[in-house]
């Protein structure tokens, strides 16, 4: 009776733990983190610059409670402003964001593909 080798199947146990470690590292790098709290003057300055240049914004909202995780960022351009609301046009919809709920806002710079 001859033994038939199963090929790569017998090595799958060795790859599993390394694969799990790699997946954990990828998840850690994609987790959302709280950014630094900006003052209202800094937020207004960034927003006015974005309106002038029609640039894309990345907005992180304040937490609803103390132990909350960060919500996904709102990324888009300013579509309009009405009293204490700012309307952001994302890729799929228009979202209203109250000014008091903004924790951090940044202008997104476009990197050139040919650099």
PDB file of N, CA and C in Angstrom:
ATOM      1  N   UNK A   1       0.842  -1.174   0.000  1.00  0.00           N
ATOM      2  CA  UNK A   1       0.000   0.000   0.000  1.00  0.00           C
ATOM      3  C   UNK A   1       0.890   1.242   0.000  1.00  0.00           C
ATOM      4  N   UNK A   2       0.608   2.106  -0.930  1.00  0.00           N
ATOM      5  CA  UNK A   2       1.410   3.320  -1.036  1.00  0.00           C
ATOM      6  C   UNK A   2       0.664   4.488  -0.402  1.00  0.00           C
ATOM      7  N   UNK A   3       1.432   5.420   0.129  1.00  0.00           N
ATOM      8  CA  UNK A   3       0.865   6.599   0.775  1.00  0.00           C
ATOM      9  C   UNK A   3       0.680   7.685  -0.270  1.00  0.00           C
ATOM     10  N   UNK A   4      -0.529   8.279  -0.330  1.00  0.00           N
ATOM     11  CA  UNK A   4      -0.800   9.368  -1.267  1.00  0.00           C
ATOM     12  C   UNK A   4      -0.674  10.694  -0.516  1.00  0.00           C
ATOM     13  N   UNK A   5       0.256  11.526  -0.947  1.00  0.00           N
ATOM     14  CA  UNK A   5       0.525  12.817  -0.313  1.00  0.00           C
ATOM     15  C   UNK A   5      -0.644  13.767  -0.583  1.00  0.00           C
ATOM     16  N   UNK A   6      -1.051  14.488   0.467  1.00  0.00           N
ATOM     17  CA  UNK A   6      -2.161  15.429   0.340  1.00  0.00           C
ATOM     18  C   UNK A   6      -1.702  16.794  -0.167  1.00  0.00           C
ATOM     19  N   UNK A   7      -0.440  16.970  -0.381  1.00  0.00           N
ATOM     20  CA  UNK A   7       0.075  18.236  -0.905  1.00  0.00           C
ATOM     21  C   UNK A   7       0.004  19.346   0.121  1.00  0.00           C
ATOM     22  N   UNK A   8      -0.471  20.502  -0.288  1.00  0.00           N
ATOM     23  CA  UNK A   8      -0.490  21.693   0.559  1.00  0.00           C
ATOM     24  C   UNK A   8      -1.467  21.579   1.716  1.00  0.00           C
ATOM     25  N   UNK A   9      -2.437  20.707   1.668  1.00  0.00           N
ATOM     26  CA  UNK A   9      -3.447  20.610   2.712  1.00  0.00           C
ATOM     27  C   UNK A   9      -2.847  20.319   4.080  1.00  0.00           C
ATOM     28  N   UNK A  10      -1.780  19.579   4.132  1.00  0.00           N
ATOM     29  CA  UNK A  10      -1.210  19.239   5.433  1.00  0.00           C
ATOM     30  C   UNK A  10      -0.480  20.427   6.069  1.00  0.00           C
ATOM     31  N   UNK A  11      -0.234  21.496   5.329  1.00  0.00           N
ATOM     32  CA  UNK A  11       0.464  22.667   5.856  1.00  0.00           C
ATOM     33  C   UNK A  11      -0.482  23.773   6.300  1.00  0.00           C
ATOM     34  N   UNK A  12      -1.767  23.610   6.138  1.00  0.00           N
ATOM     35  CA  UNK A  12      -2.703  24.680   6.460  1.00  0.00           C
ATOM     36  C   UNK A  12      -2.669  25.079   7.927  1.00  0.00           C
ATOM     37  N   UNK A  13      -2.410  24.195   8.834  1.00  0.00           N
ATOM     38  CA  UNK A  13      -2.336  24.521  10.251  1.00  0.00           C
ATOM     39  C   UNK A  13      -1.213  25.482  10.574  1.00  0.00           C
ATOM     40  N   UNK A  14      -0.144  25.438   9.808  1.00  0.00           N
ATOM     41  CA  UNK A  14       0.985  26.329  10.049  1.00  0.00           C
ATOM     42  C   UNK A  14       0.685  27.758   9.607  1.00  0.00           C
ATOM     43  N   UNK A  15      -0.113  27.913   8.583  1.00  0.00           N
ATOM     44  CA  UNK A  15      -0.402  29.239   8.070  1.00  0.00           C
ATOM     45  C   UNK A  15      -1.500  29.944   8.850  1.00  0.00           C
ATOM     46  N   UNK A  16      -2.323  29.247   9.545  1.00  0.00           N
ATOM     47  CA  UNK A  16      -3.491  29.824  10.202  1.00  0.00           C
ATOM     48  C   UNK A  16      -3.117  30.860  11.261  1.00  0.00           C
ATOM     49  N   UNK A  17      -2.183  30.558  12.138  1.00  0.00           N
ATOM     50  CA  UNK A  17      -1.845  31.511  13.199  1.00  0.00           C
ATOM     51  C   UNK A  17      -1.187  32.764  12.623  1.00  0.00           C
ATOM     52  N   UNK A  18      -0.336  32.600  11.638  1.00  0.00           N
ATOM     53  CA  UNK A  18       0.289  33.769  11.023  1.00  0.00           C
ATOM     54  C   UNK A  18      -0.746  34.627  10.295  1.00  0.00           C
ATOM     55  N   UNK A  19      -1.677  33.964   9.666  1.00  0.00           N
ATOM     56  CA  UNK A  19      -2.725  34.691   8.964  1.00  0.00           C
ATOM     57  C   UNK A  19      -3.582  35.479   9.949  1.00  0.00           C
ATOM     58  N   UNK A  20      -3.904  34.893  11.099  1.00  0.00           N
ATOM     59  CA  UNK A  20      -4.690  35.598  12.114  1.00  0.00           C
ATOM     60  C   UNK A  20      -3.956  36.823  12.632  1.00  0.00           C
ATOM     61  N   UNK A  21      -2.643  36.709  12.852  1.00  0.00           N
ATOM     62  CA  UNK A  21      -1.861  37.857  13.314  1.00  0.00           C
ATOM     63  C   UNK A  21      -1.878  38.980  12.288  1.00  0.00           C
ATOM     64  N   UNK A  22      -1.729  38.610  11.029  1.00  0.00           N
ATOM     65  CA  UNK A  22      -1.746  39.607   9.969  1.00  0.00           C
ATOM     66  C   UNK A  22      -3.109  40.299   9.879  1.00  0.00           C
ATOM     67  N   UNK A  23      -4.173  39.560  10.022  1.00  0.00           N
ATOM     68  CA  UNK A  23      -5.510  40.146   9.980  1.00  0.00           C
ATOM     69  C   UNK A  23      -5.735  41.092  11.159  1.00  0.00           C
ATOM     70  N   UNK A  24      -5.240  40.738  12.349  1.00  0.00           N
ATOM     71  CA  UNK A  24      -5.355  41.610  13.517  1.00  0.00           C
ATOM     72  C   UNK A  24      -4.608  42.913  13.296  1.00  0.00           C
ATOM     73  N   UNK A  25      -3.434  42.847  12.697  1.00  0.00           N
ATOM     74  CA  UNK A  25      -2.653  44.056  12.428  1.00  0.00           C
ATOM     75  C   UNK A  25      -3.377  44.950  11.435  1.00  0.00           C
ATOM     76  N   UNK A  26      -4.006  44.380  10.429  1.00  0.00           N
ATOM     77  CA  UNK A  26      -4.755  45.173   9.464  1.00  0.00           C
ATOM     78  C   UNK A  26      -5.956  45.836  10.109  1.00  0.00           C
ATOM     79  N   UNK A  27      -6.647  45.140  11.003  1.00  0.00           N
ATOM     80  CA  UNK A  27      -7.801  45.719  11.679  1.00  0.00           C
ATOM     81  C   UNK A  27      -7.374  46.850  12.591  1.00  0.00           C
ATOM     82  N   UNK A  28      -6.224  46.719  13.280  1.00  0.00           N
ATOM     83  CA  UNK A  28      -5.741  47.781  14.146  1.00  0.00           C
ATOM     84  C   UNK A  28      -5.441  49.044  13.349  1.00  0.00           C
ATOM     85  N   UNK A  29      -4.916  48.890  12.146  1.00  0.00           N
ATOM     86  CA  UNK A  29      -4.568  50.064  11.356  1.00  0.00           C
ATOM     87  C   UNK A  29      -5.806  50.735  10.772  1.00  0.00           C
ATOM     88  N   UNK A  30      -6.927  50.020  10.630  1.00  0.00           N
ATOM     89  CA  UNK A  30      -8.130  50.612  10.057  1.00  0.00           C
ATOM     90  C   UNK A  30      -9.112  51.098  11.111  1.00  0.00           C
ATOM     91  N   UNK A  31      -8.852  50.874  12.391  1.00  0.00           N
ATOM     92  CA  UNK A  31      -9.759  51.350  13.437  1.00  0.00           C
ATOM     93  C   UNK A  31      -9.753  52.871  13.475  1.00  0.00           C
ATOM     94  N   UNK A  32     -10.919  53.440  13.689  1.00  0.00           N
ATOM     95  CA  UNK A  32     -11.029  54.884  13.780  1.00  0.00           C
ATOM     96  C   UNK A  32     -10.491  55.356  15.120  1.00  0.00           C
ATOM     97  N   UNK A  33      -9.803  56.466  15.097  1.00  0.00           N
ATOM     98  CA  UNK A  33      -9.217  57.033  16.308  1.00  0.00           C
ATOM     99  C   UNK A  33      -9.726  58.462  16.470  1.00  0.00           C
ATOM    100  N   UNK A  34      -9.832  58.881  17.723  1.00  0.00           N
ATOM    101  CA  UNK A  34     -10.240  60.256  18.005  1.00  0.00           C
ATOM    102  C   UNK A  34      -9.106  61.194  17.644  1.00  0.00           C
ATOM    103  N   UNK A  35      -9.442  62.259  16.946  1.00  0.00           N
ATOM    104  CA  UNK A  35      -8.452  63.284  16.640  1.00  0.00           C
ATOM    105  C   UNK A  35      -8.549  64.406  17.671  1.00  0.00           C
ATOM    106  N   UNK A  36      -7.596  65.301  17.617  1.00  0.00           N
ATOM    107  CA  UNK A  36      -7.515  66.398  18.574  1.00  0.00           C
ATOM    108  C   UNK A  36      -8.713  67.334  18.436  1.00  0.00           C
ATOM    109  N   UNK A  37      -9.235  67.791  19.574  1.00  0.00           N
ATOM    110  CA  UNK A  37     -10.361  68.723  19.588  1.00  0.00           C
ATOM    111  C   UNK A  37      -9.893  70.094  19.120  1.00  0.00           C
ATOM    112  N   UNK A  38     -10.644  70.660  18.183  1.00  0.00           N
ATOM    113  CA  UNK A  38     -10.296  71.978  17.657  1.00  0.00           C
ATOM    114  C   UNK A  38     -11.192  73.035  18.306  1.00  0.00           C
ATOM    115  N   UNK A  39     -10.656  74.240  18.424  1.00  0.00           N
ATOM    116  CA  UNK A  39     -11.472  75.344  18.937  1.00  0.00           C
ATOM    117  C   UNK A  39     -12.450  75.794  17.856  1.00  0.00           C
ATOM    118  N   UNK A  40     -13.492  76.495  18.264  1.00  0.00           N
ATOM    119  CA  UNK A  40     -14.509  76.937  17.297  1.00  0.00           C
ATOM    120  C   UNK A  40     -13.919  77.922  16.288  1.00  0.00           C
ATOM    121  N   UNK A  41     -12.924  78.715  16.710  1.00  0.00           N
ATOM    122  CA  UNK A  41     -12.284  79.661  15.790  1.00  0.00           C
ATOM    123  C   UNK A  41     -11.506  78.919  14.703  1.00  0.00           C
ATOM    124  N   UNK A  42     -10.811  77.860  15.091  1.00  0.00           N
ATOM    125  CA  UNK A  42     -10.054  77.065  14.113  1.00  0.00           C
ATOM    126  C   UNK A  42     -11.004  76.355  13.145  1.00  0.00           C
ATOM    127  N   UNK A  43     -12.096  75.832  13.670  1.00  0.00           N
ATOM    128  CA  UNK A  43     -13.077  75.156  12.817  1.00  0.00           C
ATOM    129  C   UNK A  43     -13.655  76.136  11.796  1.00  0.00           C
ATOM    130  N   UNK A  44     -14.036  77.330  12.261  1.00  0.00           N
ATOM    131  CA  UNK A  44     -14.591  78.332  11.353  1.00  0.00           C
ATOM    132  C   UNK A  44     -13.569  78.768  10.305  1.00  0.00           C
ATOM    133  N   UNK A  45     -12.313  78.850  10.682  1.00  0.00           N
ATOM    134  CA  UNK A  45     -11.260  79.228   9.739  1.00  0.00           C
ATOM    135  C   UNK A  45     -11.108  78.186   8.637  1.00  0.00           C
ATOM    136  N   UNK A  46     -11.087  76.909   9.023  1.00  0.00           N
ATOM    137  CA  UNK A  46     -10.958  75.833   8.035  1.00  0.00           C
ATOM    138  C   UNK A  46     -12.179  75.799   7.129  1.00  0.00           C
ATOM    139  N   UNK A  47     -13.370  75.980   7.706  1.00  0.00           N
ATOM    140  CA  UNK A  47     -14.597  75.957   6.908  1.00  0.00           C
ATOM    141  C   UNK A  47     -14.647  77.118   5.917  1.00  0.00           C
ATOM    142  N   UNK A  48     -14.233  78.307   6.349  1.00  0.00           N
ATOM    143  CA  UNK A  48     -14.261  79.449   5.427  1.00  0.00           C
ATOM    144  C   UNK A  48     -13.250  79.276   4.299  1.00  0.00           C
ATOM    145  N   UNK A  49     -12.096  78.696   4.608  1.00  0.00           N
ATOM    146  CA  UNK A  49     -11.105  78.414   3.562  1.00  0.00           C
ATOM    147  C   UNK A  49     -11.647  77.381   2.578  1.00  0.00           C
ATOM    148  N   UNK A  50     -12.333  76.373   3.096  1.00  0.00           N
ATOM    149  CA  UNK A  50     -12.898  75.331   2.234  1.00  0.00           C
ATOM    150  C   UNK A  50     -13.995  75.892   1.333  1.00  0.00           C
ATOM    151  N   UNK A  51     -14.789  76.832   1.849  1.00  0.00           N
ATOM    152  CA  UNK A  51     -15.819  77.459   1.024  1.00  0.00           C
ATOM    153  C   UNK A  51     -15.162  78.264  -0.099  1.00  0.00           C
ATOM    154  N   UNK A  52     -14.117  79.001   0.232  1.00  0.00           N
ATOM    155  CA  UNK A  52     -13.430  79.828  -0.752  1.00  0.00           C
ATOM    156  C   UNK A  52     -12.790  78.995  -1.852  1.00  0.00           C
ATOM    157  N   UNK A  53     -12.108  77.920  -1.466  1.00  0.00           N
ATOM    158  CA  UNK A  53     -11.375  77.097  -2.431  1.00  0.00           C
ATOM    159  C   UNK A  53     -12.168  75.915  -2.977  1.00  0.00           C
ATOM    160  N   UNK A  54     -13.393  75.717  -2.497  1.00  0.00           N
ATOM    161  CA  UNK A  54     -14.214  74.565  -2.895  1.00  0.00           C
ATOM    162  C   UNK A  54     -13.445  73.254  -2.725  1.00  0.00           C
ATOM    163  N   UNK A  55     -12.777  73.122  -1.587  1.00  0.00           N
ATOM    164  CA  UNK A  55     -11.982  71.920  -1.322  1.00  0.00           C
ATOM    165  C   UNK A  55     -12.791  70.891  -0.546  1.00  0.00           C
ATOM    166  N   UNK A  56     -12.292  69.679  -0.540  1.00  0.00           N
ATOM    167  CA  UNK A  56     -12.948  68.576   0.157  1.00  0.00           C
ATOM    168  C   UNK A  56     -12.583  68.610   1.633  1.00  0.00           C
ATOM    169  N   UNK A  57     -13.562  68.343   2.488  1.00  0.00           N
ATOM    170  CA  UNK A  57     -13.368  68.344   3.936  1.00  0.00           C
ATOM    171  C   UNK A  57     -13.480  66.936   4.499  1.00  0.00           C
ATOM    172  N   UNK A  58     -12.784  66.716   5.608  1.00  0.00           N
ATOM    173  CA  UNK A  58     -12.917  65.500   6.401  1.00  0.00           C
ATOM    174  C   UNK A  58     -13.348  65.953   7.788  1.00  0.00           C
ATOM    175  N   UNK A  59     -14.577  65.589   8.179  1.00  0.00           N
ATOM    176  CA  UNK A  59     -15.150  66.056   9.448  1.00  0.00           C
ATOM    177  C   UNK A  59     -15.335  64.880  10.383  1.00  0.00           C
ATOM    178  N   UNK A  60     -14.833  65.053  11.622  1.00  0.00           N
ATOM    179  CA  UNK A  60     -15.087  64.070  12.668  1.00  0.00           C
ATOM    180  C   UNK A  60     -16.028  64.713  13.688  1.00  0.00           C
ATOM    181  N   UNK A  61     -17.118  64.013  13.993  1.00  0.00           N
ATOM    182  CA  UNK A  61     -18.111  64.536  14.923  1.00  0.00           C
ATOM    183  C   UNK A  61     -17.733  64.222  16.366  1.00  0.00           C
ATOM    184  N   UNK A  62     -18.252  65.042  17.285  1.00  0.00           N
ATOM    185  CA  UNK A  62     -18.036  64.821  18.710  1.00  0.00           C
ATOM    186  C   UNK A  62     -18.757  63.555  19.159  1.00  0.00           C
ATOM    187  N   UNK A  63     -18.262  62.926  20.234  1.00  0.00           N
ATOM    188  CA  UNK A  63     -18.932  61.706  20.720  1.00  0.00           C
ATOM    189  C   UNK A  63     -20.273  62.045  21.367  1.00  0.00           C
ATOM    190  N   UNK A  64     -21.203  61.122  21.245  1.00  0.00           N
ATOM    191  CA  UNK A  64     -22.513  61.317  21.858  1.00  0.00           C
ATOM    192  C   UNK A  64     -22.450  61.118  23.369  1.00  0.00           C
ATOM    193  N   UNK A  65     -21.571  60.210  23.825  1.00  0.00           N
ATOM    194  CA  UNK A  65     -21.336  60.032  25.259  1.00  0.00           C
ATOM    195  C   UNK A  65     -19.845  59.780  25.465  1.00  0.00           C
ATOM    196  N   UNK A  66     -19.424  59.665  26.730  1.00  0.00           N
ATOM    197  CA  UNK A  66     -18.002  59.623  27.047  1.00  0.00           C
ATOM    198  C   UNK A  66     -17.272  58.382  26.527  1.00  0.00           C
ATOM    199  N   UNK A  67     -17.930  57.240  26.509  1.00  0.00           N
ATOM    200  CA  UNK A  67     -17.246  56.014  26.104  1.00  0.00           C
ATOM    201  C   UNK A  67     -17.619  55.567  24.687  1.00  0.00           C
ATOM    202  N   UNK A  68     -18.044  56.507  23.849  1.00  0.00           N
ATOM    203  CA  UNK A  68     -18.460  56.170  22.483  1.00  0.00           C
ATOM    204  C   UNK A  68     -17.240  56.014  21.571  1.00  0.00           C
ATOM    205  N   UNK A  69     -17.407  55.179  20.564  1.00  0.00           N
ATOM    206  CA  UNK A  69     -16.382  55.031  19.546  1.00  0.00           C
ATOM    207  C   UNK A  69     -16.600  56.097  18.477  1.00  0.00           C
ATOM    208  N   UNK A  70     -15.548  56.475  17.762  1.00  0.00           N
ATOM    209  CA  UNK A  70     -15.727  57.485  16.705  1.00  0.00           C
ATOM    210  C   UNK A  70     -16.623  56.971  15.580  1.00  0.00           C
ATOM    211  N   UNK A  71     -17.467  57.851  15.095  1.00  0.00           N
ATOM    212  CA  UNK A  71     -18.274  57.531  13.922  1.00  0.00           C
ATOM    213  C   UNK A  71     -17.374  57.660  12.694  1.00  0.00           C
ATOM    214  N   UNK A  72     -17.762  57.052  11.583  1.00  0.00           N
ATOM    215  CA  UNK A  72     -16.981  57.264  10.352  1.00  0.00           C
ATOM    216  C   UNK A  72     -16.975  58.744   9.978  1.00  0.00           C
ATOM    217  N   UNK A  73     -15.875  59.192   9.413  1.00  0.00           N
ATOM    218  CA  UNK A  73     -15.735  60.597   9.037  1.00  0.00           C
ATOM    219  C   UNK A  73     -16.722  60.964   7.939  1.00  0.00           C
ATOM    220  N   UNK A  74     -17.122  62.230   7.947  1.00  0.00           N
ATOM    221  CA  UNK A  74     -17.944  62.776   6.872  1.00  0.00           C
ATOM    222  C   UNK A  74     -16.971  63.420   5.890  1.00  0.00           C
ATOM    223  N   UNK A  75     -16.949  62.916   4.667  1.00  0.00           N
ATOM    224  CA  UNK A  75     -16.012  63.407   3.659  1.00  0.00           C
ATOM    225  C   UNK A  75     -16.813  63.971   2.493  1.00  0.00           C
ATOM    226  N   UNK A  76     -16.564  65.231   2.166  1.00  0.00           N
ATOM    227  CA  UNK A  76     -17.260  65.839   1.044  1.00  0.00           C
ATOM    228  C   UNK A  76     -16.993  67.332   0.961  1.00  0.00           C
ATOM    229  N   UNK A  77     -17.713  67.974   0.069  1.00  0.00           N
ATOM    230  CA  UNK A  77     -17.577  69.416  -0.127  1.00  0.00           C
ATOM    231  C   UNK A  77     -18.791  70.126   0.461  1.00  0.00           C
ATOM    232  N   UNK A  78     -18.606  71.376   0.812  1.00  0.00           N
ATOM    233  CA  UNK A  78     -19.692  72.159   1.393  1.00  0.00           C
ATOM    234  C   UNK A  78     -20.699  72.496   0.297  1.00  0.00           C
ATOM    235  N   UNK A  79     -21.952  72.103   0.527  1.00  0.00           N
ATOM    236  CA  UNK A  79     -23.030  72.379  -0.423  1.00  0.00           C
ATOM    237  C   UNK A  79     -23.792  73.634  -0.024  1.00  0.00           C
ATOM    238  N   UNK A  80     -23.804  73.939   1.281  1.00  0.00           N
ATOM    239  CA  UNK A  80     -24.518  75.120   1.748  1.00  0.00           C
ATOM    240  C   UNK A  80     -24.415  75.269   3.249  1.00  0.00           C
ATOM    241  N   UNK A  81     -24.768  76.470   3.714  1.00  0.00           N
ATOM    242  CA  UNK A  81     -24.746  76.765   5.149  1.00  0.00           C
ATOM    243  C   UNK A  81     -26.054  77.450   5.501  1.00  0.00           C
ATOM    244  N   UNK A  82     -26.656  77.030   6.613  1.00  0.00           N
ATOM    245  CA  UNK A  82     -27.907  77.622   7.068  1.00  0.00           C
ATOM    246  C   UNK A  82     -27.868  77.718   8.587  1.00  0.00           C
ATOM    247  N   UNK A  83     -27.764  78.916   9.112  1.00  0.00           N
ATOM    248  CA  UNK A  83     -27.667  79.180  10.546  1.00  0.00           C
ATOM    249  C   UNK A  83     -26.593  78.303  11.188  1.00  0.00           C
ATOM    250  N   UNK A  84     -26.974  77.323  11.995  1.00  0.00           N
ATOM    251  CA  UNK A  84     -26.008  76.474  12.694  1.00  0.00           C
ATOM    252  C   UNK A  84     -25.799  75.123  12.014  1.00  0.00           C
ATOM    253  N   UNK A  85     -26.275  74.966  10.783  1.00  0.00           N
ATOM    254  CA  UNK A  85     -26.104  73.720  10.038  1.00  0.00           C
ATOM    255  C   UNK A  85     -25.201  73.943   8.841  1.00  0.00           C
ATOM    256  N   UNK A  86     -24.385  72.965   8.570  1.00  0.00           N
ATOM    257  CA  UNK A  86     -23.557  72.979   7.373  1.00  0.00           C
ATOM    258  C   UNK A  86     -23.921  71.735   6.567  1.00  0.00           C
ATOM    259  N   UNK A  87     -24.153  71.898   5.278  1.00  0.00           N
ATOM    260  CA  UNK A  87     -24.554  70.798   4.417  1.00  0.00           C
ATOM    261  C   UNK A  87     -23.336  70.329   3.620  1.00  0.00           C
ATOM    262  N   UNK A  88     -23.036  69.038   3.743  1.00  0.00           N
ATOM    263  CA  UNK A  88     -21.874  68.444   3.085  1.00  0.00           C
ATOM    264  C   UNK A  88     -22.364  67.489   1.999  1.00  0.00           C
ATOM    265  N   UNK A  89     -21.878  67.716   0.780  1.00  0.00           N
ATOM    266  CA  UNK A  89     -22.212  66.819  -0.333  1.00  0.00           C
ATOM    267  C   UNK A  89     -21.146  65.730  -0.403  1.00  0.00           C
ATOM    268  N   UNK A  90     -21.554  64.519  -0.026  1.00  0.00           N
ATOM    269  CA  UNK A  90     -20.650  63.367  -0.106  1.00  0.00           C
ATOM    270  C   UNK A  90     -20.784  62.739  -1.491  1.00  0.00           C
ATOM    271  N   UNK A  91     -20.172  61.595  -1.679  1.00  0.00           N
ATOM    272  CA  UNK A  91     -20.232  60.916  -2.978  1.00  0.00           C
ATOM    273  C   UNK A  91     -21.647  60.435  -3.296  1.00  0.00           C
ATOM    274  N   UNK A  92     -22.454  60.171  -2.265  1.00  0.00           N
ATOM    275  CA  UNK A  92     -23.769  59.574  -2.507  1.00  0.00           C
ATOM    276  C   UNK A  92     -24.951  60.420  -2.049  1.00  0.00           C
ATOM    277  N   UNK A  93     -24.724  61.370  -1.121  1.00  0.00           N
ATOM    278  CA  UNK A  93     -25.850  62.110  -0.554  1.00  0.00           C
ATOM    279  C   UNK A  93     -25.403  63.447   0.012  1.00  0.00           C
ATOM    280  N   UNK A  94     -26.377  64.227   0.474  1.00  0.00           N
ATOM    281  CA  UNK A  94     -26.090  65.486   1.173  1.00  0.00           C
ATOM    282  C   UNK A  94     -26.430  65.283   2.635  1.00  0.00           C
ATOM    283  N   UNK A  95     -25.461  65.563   3.511  1.00  0.00           N
ATOM    284  CA  UNK A  95     -25.608  65.346   4.947  1.00  0.00           C
ATOM    285  C   UNK A  95     -25.575  66.693   5.649  1.00  0.00           C
ATOM    286  N   UNK A  96     -26.466  66.890   6.618  1.00  0.00           N
ATOM    287  CA  UNK A  96     -26.435  68.108   7.427  1.00  0.00           C
ATOM    288  C   UNK A  96     -25.676  67.819   8.714  1.00  0.00           C
ATOM    289  N   UNK A  97     -24.733  68.712   9.032  1.00  0.00           N
ATOM    290  CA  UNK A  97     -23.902  68.566  10.228  1.00  0.00           C
ATOM    291  C   UNK A  97     -24.036  69.838  11.055  1.00  0.00           C
ATOM    292  N   UNK A  98     -24.523  69.737  12.295  1.00  0.00           N
ATOM    293  CA  UNK A  98     -24.572  70.922  13.157  1.00  0.00           C
ATOM    294  C   UNK A  98     -23.150  71.393  13.489  1.00  0.00           C
ATOM    295  N   UNK A  99     -22.942  72.694  13.485  1.00  0.00           N
ATOM    296  CA  UNK A  99     -21.602  73.233  13.750  1.00  0.00           C
ATOM    297  C   UNK A  99     -21.094  72.847  15.143  1.00  0.00           C
ATOM    298  N   UNK A 100     -21.996  72.788  16.124  1.00  0.00           N
ATOM    299  CA  UNK A 100     -21.558  72.463  17.485  1.00  0.00           C
ATOM    300  C   UNK A 100     -21.122  71.004  17.633  1.00  0.00           C
ATOM    301  N   UNK A 101     -21.466  70.148  16.671  1.00  0.00           N
ATOM    302  CA  UNK A 101     -21.116  68.729  16.782  1.00  0.00           C
ATOM    303  C   UNK A 101     -19.777  68.380  16.120  1.00  0.00           C
ATOM    304  N   UNK A 102     -19.076  69.381  15.575  1.00  0.00           N
ATOM    305  CA  UNK A 102     -17.802  69.120  14.902  1.00  0.00           C
ATOM    306  C   UNK A 102     -16.677  69.092  15.929  1.00  0.00           C
ATOM    307  N   UNK A 103     -15.961  67.989  15.975  1.00  0.00           N
ATOM    308  CA  UNK A 103     -14.802  67.842  16.858  1.00  0.00           C
ATOM    309  C   UNK A 103     -13.537  68.286  16.147  1.00  0.00           C
ATOM    310  N   UNK A 104     -13.385  67.846  14.890  1.00  0.00           N
ATOM    311  CA  UNK A 104     -12.184  68.132  14.125  1.00  0.00           C
ATOM    312  C   UNK A 104     -12.565  68.208  12.658  1.00  0.00           C
ATOM    313  N   UNK A 105     -11.974  69.140  11.951  1.00  0.00           N
ATOM    314  CA  UNK A 105     -12.210  69.269  10.511  1.00  0.00           C
ATOM    315  C   UNK A 105     -10.875  69.549   9.827  1.00  0.00           C
ATOM    316  N   UNK A 106     -10.670  68.902   8.684  1.00  0.00           N
ATOM    317  CA  UNK A 106      -9.430  69.078   7.927  1.00  0.00           C
ATOM    318  C   UNK A 106      -9.772  69.208   6.455  1.00  0.00           C
ATOM    319  N   UNK A 107      -8.950  69.967   5.750  1.00  0.00           N
ATOM    320  CA  UNK A 107      -9.067  70.000   4.305  1.00  0.00           C
ATOM    321  C   UNK A 107      -8.309  68.801   3.760  1.00  0.00           C
ATOM    322  N   UNK A 108      -8.930  68.088   2.847  1.00  0.00           N
ATOM    323  CA  UNK A 108      -8.255  66.941   2.238  1.00  0.00           C
ATOM    324  C   UNK A 108      -7.480  67.445   1.030  1.00  0.00           C
ATOM    325  N   UNK A 109      -6.196  67.136   1.035  1.00  0.00           N
ATOM    326  CA  UNK A 109      -5.368  67.517  -0.101  1.00  0.00           C
ATOM    327  C   UNK A 109      -5.363  66.381  -1.113  1.00  0.00           C
ATOM    328  N   UNK A 110      -5.305  66.752  -2.351  1.00  0.00           N
ATOM    329  CA  UNK A 110      -5.279  65.758  -3.424  1.00  0.00           C
ATOM    330  C   UNK A 110      -3.821  65.492  -3.783  1.00  0.00           C
ATOM    331  N   UNK A 111      -3.432  64.239  -3.653  1.00  0.00           N
ATOM    332  CA  UNK A 111      -2.068  63.888  -4.007  1.00  0.00           C
ATOM    333  C   UNK A 111      -2.014  63.555  -5.489  1.00  0.00           C
ATOM    334  N   UNK A 112      -0.970  64.047  -6.119  1.00  0.00           N
ATOM    335  CA  UNK A 112      -0.796  63.804  -7.552  1.00  0.00           C
ATOM    336  C   UNK A 112      -0.358  62.368  -7.765  1.00  0.00           C
ATOM    337  N   UNK A 113      -0.951  61.707  -8.727  1.00  0.00           N
ATOM    338  CA  UNK A 113      -0.638  60.308  -8.990  1.00  0.00           C
ATOM    339  C   UNK A 113       0.729  60.158  -9.648  1.00  0.00           C
ATOM    340  N   UNK A 114       1.246  61.241 -10.227  1.00  0.00           N
ATOM    341  CA  UNK A 114       2.489  61.133 -10.969  1.00  0.00           C
ATOM    342  C   UNK A 114       3.714  61.546 -10.162  1.00  0.00           C
ATOM    343  N   UNK A 115       3.579  61.776  -8.869  1.00  0.00           N
ATOM    344  CA  UNK A 115       4.753  62.111  -8.035  1.00  0.00           C
ATOM    345  C   UNK A 115       5.527  60.889  -7.696  1.00  0.00           C
TER     346      UNK A 115
END
